[in-house]
All heavy atoms as atom14 arrays in JSON, in Angstrom:
{
  "sequence": "WVRHRIRVIILKQWKRRGTMIENLWKLNRKNRNGFTHERIFAQCM",
  "atom14_mask": [
    [1, 1, 1, 1, 1, 1, 1, 1, 1, 1, 1, 1, 1, 1],
    [1, 1, 1, 1, 1, 1, 1, 0, 0, 0, 0, 0, 0, 0],
    [1, 1, 1, 1, 1, 1, 1, 1, 1, 1, 1, 0, 0, 0],
    [1, 1, 1, 1, 1, 1, 1, 1, 1, 1, 0, 0, 0, 0],
    [1, 1, 1, 1, 1, 1, 1, 1, 1, 1, 1, 0, 0, 0],
    [1, 1, 1, 1, 1, 1, 1, 1, 0, 0, 0, 0, 0, 0],
    [1, 1, 1, 1, 1, 1, 1, 1, 1, 1, 1, 0, 0, 0],
    [1, 1, 1, 1, 1, 1, 1, 0, 0, 0, 0, 0, 0, 0],
    [1, 1, 1, 1, 1, 1, 1, 1, 0, 0, 0, 0, 0, 0],
    [1, 1, 1, 1, 1, 1, 1, 1, 0, 0, 0, 0, 0, 0],
    [1, 1, 1, 1, 1, 1, 1, 1, 0, 0, 0, 0, 0, 0],
    [1, 1, 1, 1, 1, 1, 1, 1, 1, 0, 0, 0, 0, 0],
    [1, 1, 1, 1, 1, 1, 1, 1, 1, 0, 0, 0, 0, 0],
    [1, 1, 1, 1, 1, 1, 1, 1, 1, 1, 1, 1, 1, 1],
    [1, 1, 1, 1, 1, 1, 1, 1, 1, 0, 0, 0, 0, 0],
    [1, 1, 1, 1, 1, 1, 1, 1, 1, 1, 1, 0, 0, 0],
    [1, 1, 1, 1, 1, 1, 1, 1, 1, 1, 1, 0, 0, 0],
    [1, 1, 1, 1, 0, 0, 0, 0, 0, 0, 0, 0, 0, 0],
    [1, 1, 1, 1, 1, 1, 1, 0, 0, 0, 0, 0, 0, 0],
    [1, 1, 1, 1, 1, 1, 1, 1, 0, 0, 0, 0, 0, 0],
    [1, 1, 1, 1, 1, 1, 1, 1, 0, 0, 0, 0, 0, 0],
    [1, 1, 1, 1, 1, 1, 1, 1, 1, 0, 0, 0, 0, 0],
    [1, 1, 1, 1, 1, 1, 1, 1, 0, 0, 0, 0, 0, 0],
    [1, 1, 1, 1, 1, 1, 1, 1, 0, 0, 0, 0, 0, 0],
    [1, 1, 1, 1, 1, 1, 1, 1, 1, 1, 1, 1, 1, 1],
    [1, 1, 1, 1, 1, 1, 1, 1, 1, 0, 0, 0, 0, 0],
    [1, 1, 1, 1, 1, 1, 1, 1, 0, 0, 0, 0, 0, 0],
    [1, 1, 1, 1, 1, 1, 1, 1, 0, 0, 0, 0, 0, 0],
    [1, 1, 1, 1, 1, 1, 1, 1, 1, 1, 1, 0, 0, 0],
    [1, 1, 1, 1, 1, 1, 1, 1, 1, 0, 0, 0, 0, 0],
    [1, 1, 1, 1, 1, 1, 1, 1, 0, 0, 0, 0, 0, 0],
    [1, 1, 1, 1, 1, 1, 1, 1, 1, 1, 1, 0, 0, 0],
    [1, 1, 1, 1, 1, 1, 1, 1, 0, 0, 0, 0, 0, 0],
    [1, 1, 1, 1, 0, 0, 0, 0, 0, 0, 0, 0, 0, 0],
    [1, 1, 1, 1, 1, 1, 1, 1, 1, 1, 1, 0, 0, 0],
    [1, 1, 1, 1, 1, 1, 1, 0, 0, 0, 0, 0, 0, 0],
    [1, 1, 1, 1, 1, 1, 1, 1, 1, 1, 0, 0, 0, 0],
    [1, 1, 1, 1, 1, 1, 1, 1, 1, 0, 0, 0, 0, 0],
    [1, 1, 1, 1, 1, 1, 1, 1, 1, 1, 1, 0, 0, 0],
    [1, 1, 1, 1, 1, 1, 1, 1, 0, 0, 0, 0, 0, 0],
    [1, 1, 1, 1, 1, 1, 1, 1, 1, 1, 1, 0, 0, 0],
    [1, 1, 1, 1, 1, 0, 0, 0, 0, 0, 0, 0, 0, 0],
    [1, 1, 1, 1, 1, 1, 1, 1, 1, 0, 0, 0, 0, 0],
    [1, 1, 1, 1, 1, 1, 0, 0, 0, 0, 0, 0, 0, 0],
    [1, 1, 1, 1, 1, 1, 1, 1, 0, 0, 0, 0, 0, 0]
  ],
  "atom14_positions": [
    [[0.83, -1.22, 0.0], [0.0, 0.0, 0.0], [0.85, 1.26, 0.0], [0.57, 2.21, -0.73], [-0.93, -0.02, 1.22], [-1.81, 1.17, 1.35], [-2.94, 1.44, 0.64], [-1.65, 2.25, 2.27], [-3.5, 2.63, 1.06], [-2.72, 3.14, 2.06], [-0.71, 2.54, 3.25], [-2.89, 4.31, 2.8], [-0.85, 3.7, 3.99], [-1.93, 4.58, 3.75]],
    [[1.91, 1.29, 0.81], [2.82, 2.45, 0.85], [3.49, 2.63, -0.51], [3.56, 3.75, -1.04], [3.88, 2.28, 1.96], [4.96, 3.36, 1.82], [3.23, 2.36, 3.33], [0.0, 0.0, 0.0], [0.0, 0.0, 0.0], [0.0, 0.0, 0.0], [0.0, 0.0, 0.0], [0.0, 0.0, 0.0], [0.0, 0.0, 0.0], [0.0, 0.0, 0.0]],
    [[3.99, 1.54, -1.07], [4.67, 1.64, -2.37], [3.71, 2.12, -3.45], [4.1, 2.91, -4.32], [5.28, 0.29, -2.73], [6.51, -0.06, -1.9], [7.22, -1.29, -2.42], [6.47, -2.5, -2.17], [6.6, -3.24, -1.06], [7.44, -2.88, -0.1], [5.89, -4.35, -0.91], [0.0, 0.0, 0.0], [0.0, 0.0, 0.0], [0.0, 0.0, 0.0]],
    [[2.47, 1.69, -3.4], [1.48, 2.14, -4.37], [1.28, 3.65, -4.28], [1.23, 4.34, -5.3], [0.15, 1.41, -4.15], [-0.97, 1.94, -5.0], [-1.0, 1.8, -6.36], [-2.07, 2.65, -4.67], [-2.08, 2.38, -6.84], [-2.75, 2.92, -5.83], [0.0, 0.0, 0.0], [0.0, 0.0, 0.0], [0.0, 0.0, 0.0], [0.0, 0.0, 0.0]],
    [[1.18, 4.17, -3.07], [0.98, 5.61, -2.9], [2.18, 6.39, -3.41], [2.01, 7.48, -3.98], [0.67, 5.93, -1.44], [-0.64, 5.33, -0.94], [-1.06, 5.92, 0.4], [-1.45, 7.31, 0.33], [-2.65, 7.76, 0.04], [-3.62, 6.92, -0.24], [-2.91, 9.06, 0.02], [0.0, 0.0, 0.0], [0.0, 0.0, 0.0], [0.0, 0.0, 0.0]],
    [[3.36, 5.87, -3.23], [4.55, 6.54, -3.76], [4.56, 6.49, -5.29], [4.91, 7.48, -5.95], [5.83, 5.91, -3.17], [5.9, 6.12, -1.66], [7.08, 6.47, -3.86], [5.98, 7.57, -1.23], [0.0, 0.0, 0.0], [0.0, 0.0, 0.0], [0.0, 0.0, 0.0], [0.0, 0.0, 0.0], [0.0, 0.0, 0.0], [0.0, 0.0, 0.0]],
    [[4.17, 5.36, -5.87], [4.09, 5.26, -7.33], [3.13, 6.3, -7.9], [3.43, 6.94, -8.92], [3.62, 3.86, -7.74], [4.64, 2.76, -7.53], [4.15, 1.47, -8.15], [4.98, 0.34, -7.76], [4.65, -0.55, -6.84], [3.47, -0.48, -6.23], [5.48, -1.53, -6.52], [0.0, 0.0, 0.0], [0.0, 0.0, 0.0], [0.0, 0.0, 0.0]],
    [[2.0, 6.46, -7.28], [1.01, 7.43, -7.75], [1.59, 8.85, -7.71], [1.37, 9.64, -8.63], [-0.28, 7.34, -6.9], [-1.24, 8.46, -7.3], [-0.95, 5.99, -7.1], [0.0, 0.0, 0.0], [0.0, 0.0, 0.0], [0.0, 0.0, 0.0], [0.0, 0.0, 0.0], [0.0, 0.0, 0.0], [0.0, 0.0, 0.0], [0.0, 0.0, 0.0]],
    [[2.34, 9.17, -6.66], [2.97, 10.49, -6.56], [3.98, 10.68, -7.68], [4.06, 11.75, -8.3], [3.63, 10.68, -5.18], [2.55, 10.76, -4.1], [4.49, 11.95, -5.16], [3.1, 10.71, -2.7], [0.0, 0.0, 0.0], [0.0, 0.0, 0.0], [0.0, 0.0, 0.0], [0.0, 0.0, 0.0], [0.0, 0.0, 0.0], [0.0, 0.0, 0.0]],
    [[4.77, 9.64, -7.96], [5.75, 9.72, -9.05], [5.04, 10.0, -10.38], [5.44, 10.88, -11.14], [6.57, 8.41, -9.14], [7.46, 8.27, -7.91], [7.41, 8.39, -10.41], [8.17, 6.93, -7.81], [0.0, 0.0, 0.0], [0.0, 0.0, 0.0], [0.0, 0.0, 0.0], [0.0, 0.0, 0.0], [0.0, 0.0, 0.0], [0.0, 0.0, 0.0]],
    [[3.97, 9.26, -10.65], [3.2, 9.46, -11.89], [2.63, 10.87, -11.94], [2.65, 11.53, -12.99], [2.07, 8.44, -11.99], [2.48, 6.96, -12.1], [1.23, 6.08, -12.14], [3.35, 6.71, -13.32], [0.0, 0.0, 0.0], [0.0, 0.0, 0.0], [0.0, 0.0, 0.0], [0.0, 0.0, 0.0], [0.0, 0.0, 0.0], [0.0, 0.0, 0.0]],
    [[2.11, 11.32, -10.82], [1.52, 12.65, -10.75], [2.56, 13.73, -11.03], [2.26, 14.74, -11.68], [0.9, 12.85, -9.36], [0.21, 14.2, -9.16], [-1.12, 14.29, -9.82], [-1.84, 15.57, -9.42], [-3.11, 15.77, -10.11], [0.0, 0.0, 0.0], [0.0, 0.0, 0.0], [0.0, 0.0, 0.0], [0.0, 0.0, 0.0], [0.0, 0.0, 0.0]],
    [[3.78, 13.54, -10.54], [4.83, 14.53, -10.76], [5.31, 14.55, -12.21], [5.82, 15.57, -12.68], [6.0, 14.27, -9.81], [5.68, 14.6, -8.35], [6.88, 14.43, -7.42], [7.76, 13.63, -7.68], [6.9, 15.18, -6.34], [0.0, 0.0, 0.0], [0.0, 0.0, 0.0], [0.0, 0.0, 0.0], [0.0, 0.0, 0.0], [0.0, 0.0, 0.0]],
    [[5.16, 13.44, -12.9], [5.48, 13.43, -14.33], [4.46, 14.21, -15.16], [4.76, 14.63, -16.28], [5.58, 11.99, -14.83], [6.82, 11.28, -14.35], [7.94, 11.87, -13.84], [7.06, 9.88, -14.32], [8.86, 10.92, -13.51], [8.35, 9.67, -13.8], [6.31, 8.75, -14.7], [8.91, 8.4, -13.62], [6.87, 7.48, -14.54], [8.15, 7.31, -14.01]],
    [[3.29, 14.39, -14.61], [2.23, 15.25, -15.14], [1.64, 14.78, -16.47], [0.49, 14.39, -16.55], [2.73, 16.69, -15.28], [3.08, 17.34, -13.95], [3.54, 18.77, -14.16], [3.88, 19.4, -12.81], [4.36, 20.79, -12.97], [0.0, 0.0, 0.0], [0.0, 0.0, 0.0], [0.0, 0.0, 0.0], [0.0, 0.0, 0.0], [0.0, 0.0, 0.0]],
    [[2.39, 14.82, -17.51], [1.87, 14.51, -18.84], [1.99, 13.03, -19.16], [2.94, 12.37, -18.74], [2.59, 15.32, -19.91], [2.48, 16.84, -19.72], [3.31, 17.56, -20.76], [3.28, 18.98, -20.57], [2.35, 19.8, -21.03], [1.37, 19.3, -21.76], [2.4, 21.11, -20.8], [0.0, 0.0, 0.0], [0.0, 0.0, 0.0], [0.0, 0.0, 0.0]],
    [[1.02, 12.52, -19.91], [1.06, 11.12, -20.31], [2.3, 10.81, -21.16], [2.89, 9.75, -21.03], [-0.22, 10.75, -21.08], [-1.51, 10.94, -20.29], [-1.74, 9.82, -19.33], [-2.86, 10.09, -18.43], [-3.71, 9.16, -17.98], [-3.58, 7.91, -18.36], [-4.68, 9.5, -17.17], [0.0, 0.0, 0.0], [0.0, 0.0, 0.0], [0.0, 0.0, 0.0]],
    [[2.67, 11.77, -22.02], [3.85, 11.58, -22.85], [5.11, 11.43, -22.02], [5.96, 10.57, -22.29], [0.0, 0.0, 0.0], [0.0, 0.0, 0.0], [0.0, 0.0, 0.0], [0.0, 0.0, 0.0], [0.0, 0.0, 0.0], [0.0, 0.0, 0.0], [0.0, 0.0, 0.0], [0.0, 0.0, 0.0], [0.0, 0.0, 0.0], [0.0, 0.0, 0.0]],
    [[5.25, 12.27, -20.98], [6.41, 12.19, -20.09], [6.4, 10.86, -19.33], [7.44, 10.23, -19.13], [6.39, 13.35, -19.08], [6.3, 14.59, -19.78], [7.63, 13.34, -18.21], [0.0, 0.0, 0.0], [0.0, 0.0, 0.0], [0.0, 0.0, 0.0], [0.0, 0.0, 0.0], [0.0, 0.0, 0.0], [0.0, 0.0, 0.0], [0.0, 0.0, 0.0]],
    [[5.22, 10.43, -18.94], [5.08, 9.17, -18.23], [5.55, 8.0, -19.11], [6.31, 7.14, -18.66], [3.61, 8.97, -17.83], [3.36, 7.82, -16.88], [1.57, 7.54, -16.69], [1.02, 9.23, -16.29], [0.0, 0.0, 0.0], [0.0, 0.0, 0.0], [0.0, 0.0, 0.0], [0.0, 0.0, 0.0], [0.0, 0.0, 0.0], [0.0, 0.0, 0.0]],
    [[5.09, 7.99, -20.36], [5.46, 6.93, -21.29], [6.98, 6.91, -21.5], [7.63, 5.87, -21.47], [4.73, 7.11, -22.63], [3.21, 6.91, -22.43], [5.26, 6.14, -23.68], [2.38, 7.37, -23.61], [0.0, 0.0, 0.0], [0.0, 0.0, 0.0], [0.0, 0.0, 0.0], [0.0, 0.0, 0.0], [0.0, 0.0, 0.0], [0.0, 0.0, 0.0]],
    [[7.56, 8.1, -21.69], [9.0, 8.22, -21.94], [9.81, 7.73, -20.76], [10.77, 6.96, -20.92], [9.34, 9.68, -22.24], [10.82, 9.89, -22.59], [11.15, 11.35, -22.85], [10.19, 12.17, -22.95], [12.35, 11.68, -22.92], [0.0, 0.0, 0.0], [0.0, 0.0, 0.0], [0.0, 0.0, 0.0], [0.0, 0.0, 0.0], [0.0, 0.0, 0.0]],
    [[9.43, 8.14, -19.54], [10.18, 7.76, -18.34], [10.05, 6.27, -18.04], [11.03, 5.61, -17.66], [9.73, 8.58, -17.14], [10.17, 10.03, -17.23], [11.13, 10.35, -17.93], [9.48, 10.93, -16.53], [0.0, 0.0, 0.0], [0.0, 0.0, 0.0], [0.0, 0.0, 0.0], [0.0, 0.0, 0.0], [0.0, 0.0, 0.0], [0.0, 0.0, 0.0]],
    [[8.84, 5.74, -18.2], [8.66, 4.31, -17.97], [9.43, 3.49, -19.0], [9.99, 2.43, -18.67], [7.17, 3.96, -18.02], [6.32, 4.42, -16.83], [4.84, 4.13, -17.08], [6.77, 3.75, -15.52], [0.0, 0.0, 0.0], [0.0, 0.0, 0.0], [0.0, 0.0, 0.0], [0.0, 0.0, 0.0], [0.0, 0.0, 0.0], [0.0, 0.0, 0.0]],
    [[9.48, 3.97, -20.25], [10.21, 3.27, -21.29], [11.71, 3.25, -20.99], [12.38, 2.22, -21.15], [9.93, 3.9, -22.65], [10.71, 3.31, -23.79], [11.64, 3.94, -24.57], [10.67, 1.98, -24.27], [12.16, 3.09, -25.5], [11.57, 1.85, -25.34], [9.93, 0.85, -23.89], [11.77, 0.68, -26.05], [10.13, -0.34, -24.59], [11.03, -0.41, -25.65]],
    [[12.24, 4.36, -20.52], [13.66, 4.44, -20.16], [14.0, 3.46, -19.03], [14.99, 2.74, -19.09], [14.03, 5.86, -19.73], [14.09, 6.86, -20.87], [14.44, 8.25, -20.35], [14.49, 9.26, -21.49], [14.78, 10.64, -20.98], [0.0, 0.0, 0.0], [0.0, 0.0, 0.0], [0.0, 0.0, 0.0], [0.0, 0.0, 0.0], [0.0, 0.0, 0.0]],
    [[13.15, 3.45, -18.0], [13.38, 2.53, -16.88], [13.22, 1.09, -17.32], [13.95, 0.21, -16.86], [12.4, 2.85, -15.74], [12.63, 4.15, -14.97], [11.45, 4.45, -14.04], [13.92, 4.08, -14.16], [0.0, 0.0, 0.0], [0.0, 0.0, 0.0], [0.0, 0.0, 0.0], [0.0, 0.0, 0.0], [0.0, 0.0, 0.0], [0.0, 0.0, 0.0]],
    [[12.27, 0.85, -18.21], [12.03, -0.5, -18.74], [13.27, -1.03, -19.46], [13.68, -2.18, -19.25], [10.82, -0.46, -19.68], [10.59, -1.8, -20.38], [10.28, -2.81, -19.75], [10.72, -1.78, -21.7], [0.0, 0.0, 0.0], [0.0, 0.0, 0.0], [0.0, 0.0, 0.0], [0.0, 0.0, 0.0], [0.0, 0.0, 0.0], [0.0, 0.0, 0.0]],
    [[13.87, -0.18, -20.29], [15.07, -0.59, -21.02], [16.27, -0.75, -20.08], [17.04, -1.71, -20.2], [15.4, 0.42, -22.11], [14.49, 0.33, -23.33], [15.01, 1.19, -24.46], [15.12, 2.59, -24.06], [15.62, 3.55, -24.82], [16.08, 3.27, -26.02], [15.68, 4.8, -24.38], [0.0, 0.0, 0.0], [0.0, 0.0, 0.0], [0.0, 0.0, 0.0]],
    [[16.44, 0.19, -19.17], [17.57, 0.16, -18.25], [17.57, -1.09, -17.37], [18.6, -1.72, -17.15], [17.57, 1.42, -17.37], [18.71, 1.48, -16.37], [18.61, 2.74, -15.52], [19.72, 2.79, -14.47], [19.61, 4.01, -13.61], [0.0, 0.0, 0.0], [0.0, 0.0, 0.0], [0.0, 0.0, 0.0], [0.0, 0.0, 0.0], [0.0, 0.0, 0.0]],
    [[16.4, -1.43, -16.88], [16.29, -2.56, -15.96], [15.86, -3.86, -16.63], [15.62, -4.86, -15.95], [15.32, -2.21, -14.83], [15.78, -1.03, -14.01], [16.94, -0.95, -13.62], [14.89, -0.09, -13.75], [0.0, 0.0, 0.0], [0.0, 0.0, 0.0], [0.0, 0.0, 0.0], [0.0, 0.0, 0.0], [0.0, 0.0, 0.0], [0.0, 0.0, 0.0]],
    [[15.73, -3.82, -17.97], [15.4, -5.0, -18.76], [14.13, -5.69, -18.25], [14.1, -6.9, -18.01], [16.57, -5.99, -18.75], [17.84, -5.4, -19.35], [18.99, -6.39, -19.3], [20.2, -5.8, -19.88], [21.37, -6.45, -19.99], [21.45, -7.71, -19.54], [22.43, -5.84, -20.5], [0.0, 0.0, 0.0], [0.0, 0.0, 0.0], [0.0, 0.0, 0.0]],
    [[13.07, -4.89, -18.14], [11.81, -5.43, -17.65], [11.05, -6.22, -18.72], [10.19, -7.04, -18.41], [10.91, -4.3, -17.14], [11.52, -3.6, -15.92], [11.62, -2.38, -15.87], [11.92, -4.37, -14.92], [0.0, 0.0, 0.0], [0.0, 0.0, 0.0], [0.0, 0.0, 0.0], [0.0, 0.0, 0.0], [0.0, 0.0, 0.0], [0.0, 0.0, 0.0]],
    [[11.35, -5.94, -19.99], [10.8, -6.76, -21.06], [9.48, -6.31, -21.65], [8.89, -7.02, -22.47], [0.0, 0.0, 0.0], [0.0, 0.0, 0.0], [0.0, 0.0, 0.0], [0.0, 0.0, 0.0], [0.0, 0.0, 0.0], [0.0, 0.0, 0.0], [0.0, 0.0, 0.0], [0.0, 0.0, 0.0], [0.0, 0.0, 0.0], [0.0, 0.0, 0.0]],
    [[8.98, -5.13, -21.27], [7.73, -4.64, -21.85], [8.0, -3.97, -23.19], [9.04, -3.33, -23.4], [7.05, -3.62, -20.92], [6.55, -4.21, -19.64], [7.2, -3.97, -18.43], [5.42, -5.02, -19.63], [6.73, -4.52, -17.25], [4.96, -5.57, -18.44], [5.6, -5.32, -17.25], [0.0, 0.0, 0.0], [0.0, 0.0, 0.0], [0.0, 0.0, 0.0]],
    [[7.06, -4.12, -24.11], [7.17, -3.43, -25.39], [6.72, -1.99, -25.23], [5.97, -1.64, -24.3], [6.29, -4.1, -26.45], [4.91, -4.01, -26.06], [6.68, -5.57, -26.64], [0.0, 0.0, 0.0], [0.0, 0.0, 0.0], [0.0, 0.0, 0.0], [0.0, 0.0, 0.0], [0.0, 0.0, 0.0], [0.0, 0.0, 0.0], [0.0, 0.0, 0.0]],
    [[7.18, -1.14, -26.14], [6.77, 0.26, -26.11], [5.26, 0.38, -26.29], [4.61, 1.23, -25.65], [7.49, 1.04, -27.21], [7.34, 2.52, -27.08], [6.23, 3.19, -27.55], [8.15, 3.47, -26.53], [6.35, 4.48, -27.3], [7.52, 4.68, -26.69], [0.0, 0.0, 0.0], [0.0, 0.0, 0.0], [0.0, 0.0, 0.0], [0.0, 0.0, 0.0]],
    [[4.7, -0.49, -27.12], [3.26, -0.46, -27.38], [2.46, -0.75, -26.11], [1.43, -0.11, -25.85], [2.89, -1.49, -28.47], [3.36, -1.12, -29.86], [4.85, -1.35, -30.05], [5.49, -2.03, -29.19], [5.41, -0.81, -31.04], [0.0, 0.0, 0.0], [0.0, 0.0, 0.0], [0.0, 0.0, 0.0], [0.0, 0.0, 0.0], [0.0, 0.0, 0.0]],
    [[2.94, -1.71, -25.32], [2.2, -2.06, -24.1], [2.27, -0.93, -23.08], [1.28, -0.63, -22.42], [2.75, -3.33, -23.49], [1.9, -3.82, -22.32], [2.24, -5.2, -21.87], [1.4, -5.62, -20.76], [1.6, -6.71, -20.05], [2.61, -7.52, -20.37], [0.79, -7.01, -19.05], [0.0, 0.0, 0.0], [0.0, 0.0, 0.0], [0.0, 0.0, 0.0]],
    [[3.44, -0.33, -22.94], [3.59, 0.81, -22.03], [2.67, 1.94, -22.47], [1.98, 2.56, -21.66], [5.06, 1.27, -21.96], [5.93, 0.18, -21.32], [5.18, 2.58, -21.18], [7.42, 0.48, -21.36], [0.0, 0.0, 0.0], [0.0, 0.0, 0.0], [0.0, 0.0, 0.0], [0.0, 0.0, 0.0], [0.0, 0.0, 0.0], [0.0, 0.0, 0.0]],
    [[2.66, 2.21, -23.77], [1.8, 3.26, -24.32], [0.33, 2.98, -24.02], [-0.4, 3.86, -23.57], [2.03, 3.37, -25.83], [1.21, 4.44, -26.5], [1.69, 5.74, -26.59], [-0.05, 4.16, -27.03], [0.91, 6.73, -27.2], [-0.81, 5.13, -27.63], [-0.32, 6.42, -27.73], [0.0, 0.0, 0.0], [0.0, 0.0, 0.0], [0.0, 0.0, 0.0]],
    [[-0.09, 1.74, -24.24], [-1.5, 1.37, -24.04], [-1.91, 1.51, -22.58], [-3.0, 2.0, -22.27], [-1.73, -0.06, -24.52], [0.0, 0.0, 0.0], [0.0, 0.0, 0.0], [0.0, 0.0, 0.0], [0.0, 0.0, 0.0], [0.0, 0.0, 0.0], [0.0, 0.0, 0.0], [0.0, 0.0, 0.0], [0.0, 0.0, 0.0], [0.0, 0.0, 0.0]],
    [[-1.02, 1.11, -21.65], [-1.33, 1.2, -20.22], [-1.43, 2.65, -19.76], [-2.27, 3.0, -18.94], [-0.27, 0.46, -19.41], [-0.29, -1.05, -19.56], [-1.3, -1.71, -18.65], [-1.81, -1.13, -17.75], [-1.63, -2.94, -18.93], [0.0, 0.0, 0.0], [0.0, 0.0, 0.0], [0.0, 0.0, 0.0], [0.0, 0.0, 0.0], [0.0, 0.0, 0.0]],
    [[-0.55, 3.5, -20.28], [-0.52, 4.9, -19.86], [-1.66, 5.72, -20.45], [-2.06, 6.73, -19.86], [0.81, 5.54, -20.26], [2.22, 4.9, -19.32], [0.0, 0.0, 0.0], [0.0, 0.0, 0.0], [0.0, 0.0, 0.0], [0.0, 0.0, 0.0], [0.0, 0.0, 0.0], [0.0, 0.0, 0.0], [0.0, 0.0, 0.0], [0.0, 0.0, 0.0]],
    [[-2.18, 5.32, -21.58], [-3.2, 6.11, -22.26], [-4.62, 5.7, -21.9], [-5.58, 6.19, -22.5], [-2.99, 6.01, -23.77], [-1.67, 6.6, -24.26], [-1.4, 8.31, -23.74], [-2.69, 9.14, -24.69], [0.0, 0.0, 0.0], [0.0, 0.0, 0.0], [0.0, 0.0, 0.0], [0.0, 0.0, 0.0], [0.0, 0.0, 0.0], [0.0, 0.0, 0.0]]
  ]
}
């Protein structure tokens, strides 16, 4: 529950959906999470 509330604050501070997609994509590539850009885009939009 605590981690969820922190995640929401992080998303809120990114403000725009485009910024959210870009930042999540960067973290996804850096940490090799394996999500496609399309899936990240679909979840954020």
